[in-house]
Each structure stands twice: as structure tokens, then as C-alpha cells.
Amino acid sequence: MPRKVVSSYFLSLDGVAEDADKFLTGWDDETDAVGARLIETQDAVVLGRRTYDEWAGFWPTSDIQPFTAFINAVPKYVATSNPLESAWSNAQVIDSDLAEFVRHLKEQPGGDIGVHGSISVTQTLLAAGLVDELSLVIVPTIVTTGRRLLDGLPGIRLETITCTTSASGHLLVDYRVVH
């Protein structure tokens, strides 16, 4: 059975995914539990260059668990045409077409492949039909500016897997992408 690609994001109600730390209105146990369950099934992560550069400067010294232990140990595949300037354990450059690389990675044995915080990577993989699930924390805030996760994509049909509301008012929703 092929591996799944699961893209996860914090989104504002109007779909902004960029700089979620600026609009995240609270944190709670339910939101924490969703994140912990998500990474339990992942054994590889695909990141864009911007996310890699930001995270390589933060996560190696962070104490925010369980994500710190996960992201520092997991193999990280970085979509970039340039060498990585910051060294981070288990990181390597994707030296081929992103969609072809992920298609090949999905055929290898292993757990889920995560895409975290890399808007352009998720957009490319959604357009190529390679994302299997979207795991979203929708924050009850309208931001109006910033990059939106789903802008510029063709129509894509989704099926709801789970949907709950957290104590902070976040909509915690997992969607299956209908291929």
C-alpha cells in the first residue's frame, strides 16, 4: 500500500497560512493532541526552502515537545535548487522534480509523509494529485493579508474524515483528497 502525503497547517478563517504565529489566538489540549497524533504516523517530511531555513534556526534548540523530538530526528527532504546553508540533522536537498520525487517516495515502504508549513510545496503537490490528506487547524480569525494555502489551485474535491472544535474555538478538521 502506498504511503500517504499529509499536509498540515494552521489557517485563518479566510485561508491565510502564512505566519500563523501572528494570528493563532490560543492553544489547548485538543490542538496539542491533534498534532501529536499526526506526527506519530509520519516518518518523513518534505519542506520548502523558506520553511527549512526558518525551522533550522529554531527547532534544533527548542524544547516544545513532542514536535521538537520528531522534527529533529525525522528525515527532511527540502525542495530547493540551492545547497542548504544551515546544517540540520537528517536533511537533504531534493535534487529532482518535486512531484516526481514525492511520487517515488510514496512508493517506498514507510509511514506517512508530512508537509508542514510549506505553502508552495503543498500547492505543487495538491496540483499534481499527490496530497492524500489535509489536516487543518482553522483559527477563528480573519486576517485578510498573507499567502493563502489554497489560492491558484484547480478544483479539488475533499471528504471530511474528522471535525471537532477545540476549547480555544479552533476547528480541527481532517480532509481526505478525492483522487
C-alpha atoms as a PDB file:
ATOM      1  CA  MET A   1       0.000   0.000   0.000  1.00  0.00           C
ATOM      2  CA  PRO A   2       1.486   3.383  -0.948  1.00  0.00           C
ATOM      3  CA  ARG A   3       2.370   5.883   1.733  1.00  0.00           C
ATOM      4  CA  LYS A   4       0.130   8.887   2.316  1.00  0.00           C
ATOM      5  CA  VAL A   5       1.156  12.517   1.967  1.00  0.00           C
ATOM      6  CA  VAL A   6      -0.460  14.525   4.768  1.00  0.00           C
ATOM      7  CA  SER A   7      -0.203  18.322   4.678  1.00  0.00           C
ATOM      8  CA  SER A   8      -0.941  20.106   7.937  1.00  0.00           C
ATOM      9  CA  TYR A   9      -1.495  23.786   8.584  1.00  0.00           C
ATOM     10  CA  PHE A  10      -2.844  26.429  10.884  1.00  0.00           C
ATOM     11  CA  LEU A  11      -5.197  28.582   8.793  1.00  0.00           C
ATOM     12  CA  SER A  12      -7.145  31.725   9.484  1.00  0.00           C
ATOM     13  CA  LEU A  13     -10.843  31.505   8.666  1.00  0.00           C
ATOM     14  CA  ASP A  14     -10.131  33.271   5.356  1.00  0.00           C
ATOM     15  CA  GLY A  15      -7.490  30.692   4.398  1.00  0.00           C
ATOM     16  CA  VAL A  16      -4.252  32.511   5.263  1.00  0.00           C
ATOM     17  CA  ALA A  17      -1.484  30.054   6.164  1.00  0.00           C
ATOM     18  CA  GLU A  18       1.487  32.424   6.220  1.00  0.00           C
ATOM     19  CA  ASP A  19       2.855  33.476   9.611  1.00  0.00           C
ATOM     20  CA  ALA A  20       0.282  31.552  11.646  1.00  0.00           C
ATOM     21  CA  ASP A  21       2.021  32.599  14.851  1.00  0.00           C
ATOM     22  CA  LYS A  22       0.673  36.100  14.186  1.00  0.00           C
ATOM     23  CA  PHE A  23      -2.989  35.011  14.152  1.00  0.00           C
ATOM     24  CA  LEU A  24      -3.084  31.923  16.371  1.00  0.00           C
ATOM     25  CA  THR A  25      -5.498  33.008  19.099  1.00  0.00           C
ATOM     26  CA  GLY A  26      -4.844  30.377  21.735  1.00  0.00           C
ATOM     27  CA  TRP A  27      -3.627  26.902  22.464  1.00  0.00           C
ATOM     28  CA  ASP A  28      -5.324  23.981  24.140  1.00  0.00           C
ATOM     29  CA  ASP A  29      -5.019  20.275  24.849  1.00  0.00           C
ATOM     30  CA  GLU A  30      -7.175  19.254  21.861  1.00  0.00           C
ATOM     31  CA  THR A  31      -4.985  21.156  19.407  1.00  0.00           C
ATOM     32  CA  ASP A  32      -1.909  19.620  21.028  1.00  0.00           C
ATOM     33  CA  ALA A  33      -3.376  16.109  20.765  1.00  0.00           C
ATOM     34  CA  VAL A  34      -4.160  16.516  17.061  1.00  0.00           C
ATOM     35  CA  GLY A  35      -0.552  17.479  16.366  1.00  0.00           C
ATOM     36  CA  ALA A  36       0.821  14.611  18.439  1.00  0.00           C
ATOM     37  CA  ARG A  37      -1.394  12.057  16.644  1.00  0.00           C
ATOM     38  CA  LEU A  38      -0.414  13.489  13.282  1.00  0.00           C
ATOM     39  CA  ILE A  39       3.341  13.117  13.744  1.00  0.00           C
ATOM     40  CA  GLU A  40       3.035   9.613  15.262  1.00  0.00           C
ATOM     41  CA  THR A  41       2.300   8.247  11.771  1.00  0.00           C
ATOM     42  CA  GLN A  42       4.965  10.229   9.884  1.00  0.00           C
ATOM     43  CA  ASP A  43       8.492   9.075   9.192  1.00  0.00           C
ATOM     44  CA  ALA A  44       9.489  11.625   6.530  1.00  0.00           C
ATOM     45  CA  VAL A  45       8.852  15.328   5.979  1.00  0.00           C
ATOM     46  CA  VAL A  46       9.008  17.449   2.831  1.00  0.00           C
ATOM     47  CA  LEU A  47       9.794  21.127   3.376  1.00  0.00           C
ATOM     48  CA  GLY A  48      10.202  24.160   1.182  1.00  0.00           C
ATOM     49  CA  ARG A  49      13.412  26.168   1.379  1.00  0.00           C
ATOM     50  CA  ARG A  50      11.937  29.111   3.306  1.00  0.00           C
ATOM     51  CA  THR A  51      10.420  26.830   5.943  1.00  0.00           C
ATOM     52  CA  TYR A  52      13.641  24.845   6.181  1.00  0.00           C
ATOM     53  CA  ASP A  53      15.723  27.991   6.749  1.00  0.00           C
ATOM     54  CA  GLU A  54      13.317  29.302   9.410  1.00  0.00           C
ATOM     55  CA  TRP A  55      12.958  25.980  11.185  1.00  0.00           C
ATOM     56  CA  ALA A  56      16.663  25.044  11.077  1.00  0.00           C
ATOM     57  CA  GLY A  57      17.307  28.113  13.189  1.00  0.00           C
ATOM     58  CA  PHE A  58      14.582  27.298  15.721  1.00  0.00           C
ATOM     59  CA  TRP A  59      13.783  23.606  16.215  1.00  0.00           C
ATOM     60  CA  PRO A  60      17.264  22.195  16.977  1.00  0.00           C
ATOM     61  CA  THR A  61      17.324  24.136  20.275  1.00  0.00           C
ATOM     62  CA  SER A  62      13.592  24.193  21.050  1.00  0.00           C
ATOM     63  CA  ASP A  63      12.023  22.346  23.978  1.00  0.00           C
ATOM     64  CA  ILE A  64       8.460  22.307  22.550  1.00  0.00           C
ATOM     65  CA  GLN A  65       7.534  18.641  22.690  1.00  0.00           C
ATOM     66  CA  PRO A  66       6.649  16.340  21.053  1.00  0.00           C
ATOM     67  CA  PHE A  67       7.297  18.240  17.799  1.00  0.00           C
ATOM     68  CA  THR A  68      10.934  19.073  18.639  1.00  0.00           C
ATOM     69  CA  ALA A  69      11.944  15.429  19.067  1.00  0.00           C
ATOM     70  CA  PHE A  70      10.031  14.472  15.927  1.00  0.00           C
ATOM     71  CA  ILE A  71      11.258  17.199  13.551  1.00  0.00           C
ATOM     72  CA  ASN A  72      14.878  16.971  14.671  1.00  0.00           C
ATOM     73  CA  ALA A  73      15.015  13.186  14.159  1.00  0.00           C
ATOM     74  CA  VAL A  74      12.851  12.657  11.062  1.00  0.00           C
ATOM     75  CA  PRO A  75      14.359  12.616   7.542  1.00  0.00           C
ATOM     76  CA  LYS A  76      13.707  16.041   5.999  1.00  0.00           C
ATOM     77  CA  TYR A  77      13.595  16.438   2.220  1.00  0.00           C
ATOM     78  CA  VAL A  78      13.976  20.056   1.129  1.00  0.00           C
ATOM     79  CA  ALA A  79      12.616  21.414  -2.151  1.00  0.00           C
ATOM     80  CA  THR A  80      15.317  23.856  -3.284  1.00  0.00           C
ATOM     81  CA  SER A  81      17.706  24.336  -6.156  1.00  0.00           C
ATOM     82  CA  ASN A  82      20.478  25.643  -3.888  1.00  0.00           C
ATOM     83  CA  PRO A  83      22.675  23.936  -1.295  1.00  0.00           C
ATOM     84  CA  LEU A  84      21.469  24.150   2.297  1.00  0.00           C
ATOM     85  CA  GLU A  85      23.401  26.779   4.225  1.00  0.00           C
ATOM     86  CA  SER A  86      22.221  25.716   7.677  1.00  0.00           C
ATOM     87  CA  ALA A  87      23.103  22.196   8.733  1.00  0.00           C
ATOM     88  CA  TRP A  88      20.250  20.269  10.358  1.00  0.00           C
ATOM     89  CA  SER A  89      20.248  16.576  11.139  1.00  0.00           C
ATOM     90  CA  ASN A  90      18.712  14.230   8.569  1.00  0.00           C
ATOM     91  CA  ALA A  91      18.133  16.957   5.952  1.00  0.00           C
ATOM     92  CA  GLN A  92      18.801  16.566   2.263  1.00  0.00           C
ATOM     93  CA  VAL A  93      18.045  18.532  -0.871  1.00  0.00           C
ATOM     94  CA  ILE A  94      15.528  17.149  -3.356  1.00  0.00           C
ATOM     95  CA  ASP A  95      17.719  17.086  -6.455  1.00  0.00           C
ATOM     96  CA  SER A  96      14.934  16.380  -8.931  1.00  0.00           C
ATOM     97  CA  ASP A  97      11.398  17.493  -9.767  1.00  0.00           C
ATOM     98  CA  LEU A  98       9.404  17.831  -6.515  1.00  0.00           C
ATOM     99  CA  ALA A  99       6.332  15.950  -7.755  1.00  0.00           C
ATOM    100  CA  GLU A 100       8.405  13.101  -9.202  1.00  0.00           C
ATOM    101  CA  PHE A 101      10.461  12.869  -6.006  1.00  0.00           C
ATOM    102  CA  VAL A 102       7.340  12.651  -3.821  1.00  0.00           C
ATOM    103  CA  ARG A 103       5.666  10.192  -6.206  1.00  0.00           C
ATOM    104  CA  HIS A 104       8.750   7.956  -5.867  1.00  0.00           C
ATOM    105  CA  LEU A 105       8.907   8.460  -2.070  1.00  0.00           C
ATOM    106  CA  LYS A 106       5.254   7.395  -1.767  1.00  0.00           C
ATOM    107  CA  GLU A 107       6.121   4.092  -3.448  1.00  0.00           C
ATOM    108  CA  GLN A 108       8.821   3.295  -0.855  1.00  0.00           C
ATOM    109  CA  PRO A 109       7.944   1.405   2.330  1.00  0.00           C
ATOM    110  CA  GLY A 110       7.300   3.532   5.381  1.00  0.00           C
ATOM    111  CA  GLY A 111       4.840   5.697   7.240  1.00  0.00           C
ATOM    112  CA  ASP A 112       3.101   8.880   6.221  1.00  0.00           C
ATOM    113  CA  ILE A 113       4.998  11.725   4.575  1.00  0.00           C
ATOM    114  CA  GLY A 114       4.318  15.070   6.236  1.00  0.00           C
ATOM    115  CA  VAL A 115       4.299  18.522   4.704  1.00  0.00           C
ATOM    116  CA  HIS A 116       4.368  21.180   7.416  1.00  0.00           C
ATOM    117  CA  GLY A 117       4.377  24.943   6.911  1.00  0.00           C
ATOM    118  CA  SER A 118       5.472  24.910   3.266  1.00  0.00           C
ATOM    119  CA  ILE A 119       2.675  26.539   1.284  1.00  0.00           C
ATOM    120  CA  SER A 120       4.273  26.278  -2.167  1.00  0.00           C
ATOM    121  CA  VAL A 121       5.192  22.615  -1.606  1.00  0.00           C
ATOM    122  CA  THR A 122       1.618  21.746  -0.662  1.00  0.00           C
ATOM    123  CA  GLN A 123       0.237  23.731  -3.595  1.00  0.00           C
ATOM    124  CA  THR A 124       2.551  21.936  -6.025  1.00  0.00           C
ATOM    125  CA  LEU A 125       1.704  18.526  -4.588  1.00  0.00           C
ATOM    126  CA  LEU A 126      -2.051  19.231  -4.495  1.00  0.00           C
ATOM    127  CA  ALA A 127      -1.968  20.330  -8.153  1.00  0.00           C
ATOM    128  CA  ALA A 128      -0.081  17.127  -9.027  1.00  0.00           C
ATOM    129  CA  GLY A 129      -2.628  14.962  -7.191  1.00  0.00           C
ATOM    130  CA  LEU A 130      -0.093  13.755  -4.624  1.00  0.00           C
ATOM    131  CA  VAL A 131      -1.579  15.025  -1.344  1.00  0.00           C
ATOM    132  CA  ASP A 132      -3.816  12.418   0.274  1.00  0.00           C
ATOM    133  CA  GLU A 133      -4.983  14.312   3.362  1.00  0.00           C
ATOM    134  CA  LEU A 134      -5.150  17.857   4.694  1.00  0.00           C
ATOM    135  CA  SER A 135      -5.007  18.248   8.469  1.00  0.00           C
ATOM    136  CA  LEU A 136      -6.110  21.775   9.348  1.00  0.00           C
ATOM    137  CA  VAL A 137      -6.455  23.845  12.487  1.00  0.00           C
ATOM    138  CA  ILE A 138      -8.748  26.661  11.418  1.00  0.00           C
ATOM    139  CA  VAL A 139      -8.407  29.621  13.750  1.00  0.00           C
ATOM    140  CA  PRO A 140     -11.464  31.860  14.261  1.00  0.00           C
ATOM    141  CA  THR A 141      -9.723  34.953  12.944  1.00  0.00           C
ATOM    142  CA  ILE A 142      -9.978  36.801   9.637  1.00  0.00           C
ATOM    143  CA  VAL A 143      -6.520  38.026   8.676  1.00  0.00           C
ATOM    144  CA  THR A 144      -7.153  39.427   5.142  1.00  0.00           C
ATOM    145  CA  THR A 145      -3.457  39.585   4.177  1.00  0.00           C
ATOM    146  CA  GLY A 146      -0.867  36.875   3.676  1.00  0.00           C
ATOM    147  CA  ARG A 147      -0.441  33.810   1.497  1.00  0.00           C
ATOM    148  CA  ARG A 148      -3.450  31.561   1.349  1.00  0.00           C
ATOM    149  CA  LEU A 149      -2.944  27.824   1.225  1.00  0.00           C
ATOM    150  CA  LEU A 150      -5.476  27.067  -1.493  1.00  0.00           C
ATOM    151  CA  ASP A 151      -5.021  30.032  -3.870  1.00  0.00           C
ATOM    152  CA  GLY A 152      -4.284  29.252  -7.504  1.00  0.00           C
ATOM    153  CA  LEU A 153      -5.241  25.588  -7.352  1.00  0.00           C
ATOM    154  CA  PRO A 154      -7.584  23.701  -9.640  1.00  0.00           C
ATOM    155  CA  GLY A 155     -10.867  22.467  -8.152  1.00  0.00           C
ATOM    156  CA  ILE A 156     -10.228  19.642  -5.698  1.00  0.00           C
ATOM    157  CA  ARG A 157     -12.877  17.528  -4.007  1.00  0.00           C
ATOM    158  CA  LEU A 158     -12.420  16.711  -0.318  1.00  0.00           C
ATOM    159  CA  GLU A 159     -14.149  14.329   2.080  1.00  0.00           C
ATOM    160  CA  THR A 160     -14.270  15.106   5.787  1.00  0.00           C
ATOM    161  CA  ILE A 161     -12.510  12.478   7.910  1.00  0.00           C
ATOM    162  CA  THR A 162     -12.880  14.178  11.303  1.00  0.00           C
ATOM    163  CA  CYS A 163     -14.108  17.531  12.528  1.00  0.00           C
ATOM    164  CA  THR A 164     -14.175  18.863  16.086  1.00  0.00           C
ATOM    165  CA  THR A 165     -13.942  22.199  17.845  1.00  0.00           C
ATOM    166  CA  SER A 166     -11.277  22.785  20.475  1.00  0.00           C
ATOM    167  CA  ALA A 167     -11.669  24.702  23.730  1.00  0.00           C
ATOM    168  CA  SER A 168      -9.953  27.695  22.071  1.00  0.00           C
ATOM    169  CA  GLY A 169     -12.540  27.675  19.298  1.00  0.00           C
ATOM    170  CA  HIS A 170     -10.251  26.155  16.695  1.00  0.00           C
ATOM    171  CA  LEU A 171     -11.911  23.982  14.093  1.00  0.00           C
ATOM    172  CA  LEU A 172      -9.824  20.793  13.952  1.00  0.00           C
ATOM    173  CA  VAL A 173     -10.572  19.160  10.628  1.00  0.00           C
ATOM    174  CA  ASP A 174      -9.001  16.393   8.589  1.00  0.00           C
ATOM    175  CA  TYR A 175      -9.902  16.020   4.933  1.00  0.00           C
ATOM    176  CA  ARG A 176      -9.216  13.194   2.502  1.00  0.00           C
ATOM    177  CA  VAL A 177      -8.381  14.387  -1.006  1.00  0.00           C
ATOM    178  CA  VAL A 178     -10.605  12.567  -3.501  1.00  0.00           C
ATOM    179  CA  HIS A 179      -8.398  11.443  -6.413  1.00  0.00           C
END
